[in-house]
């Protein structure tokens, strides 16, 4: 039986690996993500390596083995299906679903997750725009870029909302900004600290730093 703590570690390592240039998760990054000391994280990483769930090097960091990745994707599937259910069926706001899903993800079976998926019509994306792993561990990705790195005048589709800060998610939801929304970048002013988006024919100004939490793809 894999403990909740181990599941959290594997999920965290997976997420850090995804954004890492060398496809490894450094000890300090894991510690920051989990709110733990580097010393305690090092001890757990050695344990996970002994369990053959990660490849660990004290200098290079951790990388999931196939077995570790399988477990990580299972718990991520649970989490993102729960987020989608909480949002679409139970009406939770976008800034609340992450924490609720974190509390529940360890306690549902794969069969329960499959039933949620069936009820929801087997969604491929969670409410934030993250891909939901399939039952057999496959995961789809779209090419994306932060919106404030796109030239003004470009039409884009919102692909994903970073889910690190609930207050920013609540702000996006209030503005009607969500994955799948098509917008035009009217102006980008990093020095003045804002970006203007045209949404459904109306201009909306958002902070430049807040905009860094929006990931998009350019429309041809």
Protein backbone atom coordinates (compact mmCIF):
# COMPACT_ATOMS: atom_id res chain seq x y z
CA UNK A 1 0.00 0.00 0.00
CA UNK A 2 1.45 3.35 -1.07
CA UNK A 3 1.01 5.97 1.66
CA UNK A 4 -0.53 9.40 1.13
CA UNK A 5 2.84 11.00 1.79
CA UNK A 6 4.54 8.95 -0.92
CA UNK A 7 1.73 9.75 -3.35
CA UNK A 8 2.20 13.46 -2.66
CA UNK A 9 5.93 13.19 -3.28
CA UNK A 10 5.49 11.33 -6.56
CA UNK A 11 2.84 13.78 -7.78
CA UNK A 12 5.06 16.73 -6.86
CA UNK A 13 8.12 15.24 -8.57
CA UNK A 14 6.06 14.64 -11.71
CA UNK A 15 4.87 18.26 -11.84
CA UNK A 16 8.37 19.65 -11.28
CA UNK A 17 9.85 17.31 -13.90
CA UNK A 18 7.30 18.55 -16.43
CA UNK A 19 8.62 22.11 -16.20
CA UNK A 20 12.30 21.21 -15.76
CA UNK A 21 14.78 21.56 -18.61
CA UNK A 22 16.67 18.41 -17.58
CA UNK A 23 13.50 16.44 -16.69
CA UNK A 24 14.59 16.11 -13.07
CA UNK A 25 13.20 17.52 -9.81
CA UNK A 26 15.77 19.20 -7.58
CA UNK A 27 15.57 18.58 -3.83
CA UNK A 28 15.08 22.26 -3.00
CA UNK A 29 12.21 22.58 -5.50
CA UNK A 30 10.46 19.57 -3.98
CA UNK A 31 10.96 20.97 -0.47
CA UNK A 32 9.50 24.34 -1.50
CA UNK A 33 6.50 22.72 -3.18
CA UNK A 34 5.70 20.54 -0.16
CA UNK A 35 6.60 23.11 2.50
CA UNK A 36 9.26 20.86 4.04
CA UNK A 37 12.95 21.13 4.88
CA UNK A 38 15.53 19.91 2.40
CA UNK A 39 16.86 17.48 5.01
CA UNK A 40 13.51 15.72 5.46
CA UNK A 41 12.95 15.63 1.69
CA UNK A 42 16.39 14.07 1.15
CA UNK A 43 15.49 11.27 3.56
CA UNK A 44 12.26 10.52 1.71
CA UNK A 45 13.95 10.64 -1.70
CA UNK A 46 16.44 8.01 -0.57
CA UNK A 47 13.52 5.87 0.61
CA UNK A 48 11.71 6.29 -2.72
CA UNK A 49 14.90 5.33 -4.55
CA UNK A 50 15.14 2.15 -2.45
CA UNK A 51 11.53 1.40 -3.42
CA UNK A 52 12.50 1.77 -7.11
CA UNK A 53 10.00 4.61 -7.55
CA UNK A 54 12.59 7.25 -8.47
CA UNK A 55 16.11 7.54 -9.77
CA UNK A 56 17.87 9.80 -7.27
CA UNK A 57 21.18 11.63 -7.34
CA UNK A 58 22.03 14.10 -4.58
CA UNK A 59 23.40 16.58 -7.13
CA UNK A 60 21.00 16.08 -10.04
CA UNK A 61 17.81 15.48 -8.06
CA UNK A 62 15.01 12.97 -8.64
CA UNK A 63 13.42 11.43 -11.70
CA UNK A 64 10.44 9.09 -11.64
CA UNK A 65 10.92 5.51 -12.74
CA UNK A 66 8.19 3.90 -14.85
CA UNK A 67 6.64 2.52 -11.67
CA UNK A 68 6.80 5.88 -9.93
CA UNK A 69 5.33 7.67 -12.94
CA UNK A 70 2.44 5.19 -13.10
CA UNK A 71 1.48 5.94 -9.49
CA UNK A 72 1.91 9.69 -9.99
CA UNK A 73 -0.38 9.70 -13.04
CA UNK A 74 -3.00 7.64 -11.19
CA UNK A 75 -3.21 10.17 -8.36
CA UNK A 76 -3.14 13.09 -10.81
CA UNK A 77 -6.03 11.46 -12.69
CA UNK A 78 -7.98 11.18 -9.42
CA UNK A 79 -7.20 14.80 -8.57
CA UNK A 80 -8.17 16.34 -11.90
CA UNK A 81 -11.33 14.28 -12.27
CA UNK A 82 -12.36 15.34 -8.77
CA UNK A 83 -11.68 18.99 -9.63
CA UNK A 84 -13.85 18.66 -12.72
CA UNK A 85 -16.66 16.95 -10.79
CA UNK A 86 -16.54 19.56 -8.03
CA UNK A 87 -16.74 22.37 -10.58
CA UNK A 88 -19.16 20.97 -13.15
CA UNK A 89 -21.52 18.91 -10.98
CA UNK A 90 -21.29 20.41 -7.50
CA UNK A 91 -20.81 24.04 -8.51
CA UNK A 92 -17.63 24.79 -6.57
CA UNK A 93 -15.83 27.96 -7.62
CA UNK A 94 -12.57 27.63 -9.54
CA UNK A 95 -10.43 28.78 -6.62
CA UNK A 96 -11.85 26.11 -4.27
CA UNK A 97 -11.63 22.89 -6.29
CA UNK A 98 -7.88 22.31 -5.94
CA UNK A 99 -7.77 22.13 -2.15
CA UNK A 100 -10.93 20.00 -2.00
CA UNK A 101 -9.52 17.58 -4.58
CA UNK A 102 -6.24 17.36 -2.64
CA UNK A 103 -8.18 16.20 0.41
CA UNK A 104 -10.14 13.56 -1.51
CA UNK A 105 -7.71 12.23 -4.13
CA UNK A 106 -6.04 9.68 -1.85
CA UNK A 107 -9.29 8.07 -0.71
CA UNK A 108 -11.03 7.10 -3.94
CA UNK A 109 -10.41 3.91 -5.88
CA UNK A 110 -9.56 3.69 -9.57
CA UNK A 111 -13.06 2.28 -10.11
CA UNK A 112 -14.56 5.35 -8.41
CA UNK A 113 -12.43 7.64 -10.59
CA UNK A 114 -13.56 5.78 -13.71
CA UNK A 115 -17.19 6.27 -12.68
CA UNK A 116 -16.63 10.01 -12.21
CA UNK A 117 -15.05 10.13 -15.66
CA UNK A 118 -18.05 8.31 -17.15
CA UNK A 119 -20.52 10.69 -15.49
CA UNK A 120 -18.58 13.68 -16.83
CA UNK A 121 -18.35 12.28 -20.37
CA UNK A 122 -14.68 11.27 -20.10
CA UNK A 123 -13.21 14.80 -20.10
CA UNK A 124 -9.66 15.37 -21.33
CA UNK A 125 -9.05 18.60 -19.39
CA UNK A 126 -9.74 19.78 -15.85
CA UNK A 127 -11.32 23.21 -15.10
CA UNK A 128 -7.90 24.90 -15.06
CA UNK A 129 -6.97 23.43 -18.45
CA UNK A 130 -4.59 20.74 -17.19
CA UNK A 131 -4.78 17.47 -19.14
CA UNK A 132 -6.44 14.55 -17.35
CA UNK A 133 -4.45 11.31 -17.69
CA UNK A 134 -6.38 8.47 -19.30
CA UNK A 135 -7.10 5.22 -17.50
CA UNK A 136 -4.05 3.64 -19.14
CA UNK A 137 -1.74 6.49 -18.12
CA UNK A 138 -1.62 8.47 -21.35
CA UNK A 139 -1.69 12.26 -21.15
CA UNK A 140 -2.33 14.83 -23.88
CA UNK A 141 -0.64 18.20 -24.05
CA UNK A 142 -1.16 21.37 -26.04
CA UNK A 143 1.64 23.71 -26.96
CA UNK A 144 1.27 26.77 -24.74
CA UNK A 145 2.95 30.04 -23.86
CA UNK A 146 2.35 32.75 -21.26
CA UNK A 147 0.02 35.38 -22.67
CA UNK A 148 2.28 38.30 -21.74
CA UNK A 149 4.96 36.90 -24.06
CA UNK A 150 2.69 37.21 -27.11
CA UNK A 151 2.76 40.27 -29.39
CA UNK A 152 -0.14 42.69 -29.25
CA UNK A 153 -2.71 42.28 -32.00
CA UNK A 154 -2.53 38.48 -31.78
CA UNK A 155 -5.69 36.41 -31.36
CA UNK A 156 -5.25 33.56 -28.90
CA UNK A 157 -7.17 30.84 -27.12
CA UNK A 158 -6.82 30.44 -23.36
CA UNK A 159 -5.37 26.96 -22.81
CA UNK A 160 -4.58 26.84 -19.10
CA UNK A 161 -4.82 28.84 -15.88
CA UNK A 162 -1.98 28.32 -13.41
CA UNK A 163 -3.57 27.04 -10.20
CA UNK A 164 -0.92 28.13 -7.68
CA UNK A 165 -2.83 31.12 -6.28
CA UNK A 166 -6.56 30.81 -5.42
CA UNK A 167 -7.02 34.61 -5.34
CA UNK A 168 -5.85 34.89 -8.96
CA UNK A 169 -8.14 32.03 -10.00
CA UNK A 170 -11.07 33.81 -8.33
CA UNK A 171 -10.11 36.98 -10.22
CA UNK A 172 -10.02 35.14 -13.56
CA UNK A 173 -13.40 33.55 -12.88
CA UNK A 174 -14.89 36.94 -12.00
CA UNK A 175 -13.57 38.28 -15.33
CA UNK A 176 -14.96 35.29 -17.22
CA UNK A 177 -11.47 34.16 -18.23
CA UNK A 178 -11.32 30.38 -18.62
CA UNK A 179 -9.81 27.66 -20.82
CA UNK A 180 -11.29 27.62 -24.31
CA UNK A 181 -11.99 31.36 -24.35
CA UNK A 182 -10.77 33.18 -27.46
CA UNK A 183 -9.39 36.68 -26.91
CA UNK A 184 -7.38 39.32 -28.75
CA UNK A 185 -4.34 40.93 -27.17
CA UNK A 186 -4.98 44.63 -27.72
CA UNK A 187 -2.00 46.02 -25.83
CA UNK A 188 0.92 44.82 -23.70
CA UNK A 189 2.72 47.29 -21.43
CA UNK A 190 5.16 45.57 -19.06
CA UNK A 191 6.58 48.88 -17.81
CA UNK A 192 3.16 50.31 -16.97
CA UNK A 193 2.18 46.92 -15.57
CA UNK A 194 -0.88 45.93 -17.57
CA UNK A 195 -2.15 43.96 -20.55
CA UNK A 196 -5.42 44.74 -22.35
CA UNK A 197 -7.49 41.87 -23.73
CA UNK A 198 -10.50 42.16 -26.01
CA UNK A 199 -13.05 39.61 -24.79
CA UNK A 200 -16.34 39.28 -26.66
CA UNK A 201 -15.87 42.76 -28.11
CA UNK A 202 -15.09 44.42 -24.78
CA UNK A 203 -11.67 45.53 -23.53
CA UNK A 204 -10.47 44.17 -20.19
CA UNK A 205 -7.29 45.32 -18.45
CA UNK A 206 -5.42 42.92 -16.18
CA UNK A 207 -2.13 43.27 -14.33
CA UNK A 208 0.98 42.23 -16.24
CA UNK A 209 2.16 39.91 -13.46
CA UNK A 210 -1.31 38.39 -13.08
CA UNK A 211 -1.33 37.76 -16.84
CA UNK A 212 1.74 35.54 -16.42
CA UNK A 213 -0.64 32.96 -14.92
CA UNK A 214 -2.51 32.69 -18.24
CA UNK A 215 -1.24 30.21 -20.82
CA UNK A 216 -2.46 30.40 -24.40
CA UNK A 217 -1.99 29.21 -27.96
CA UNK A 218 -2.00 31.57 -30.92
CA UNK A 219 -4.86 31.19 -33.40
CA UNK A 220 -3.93 31.03 -37.05
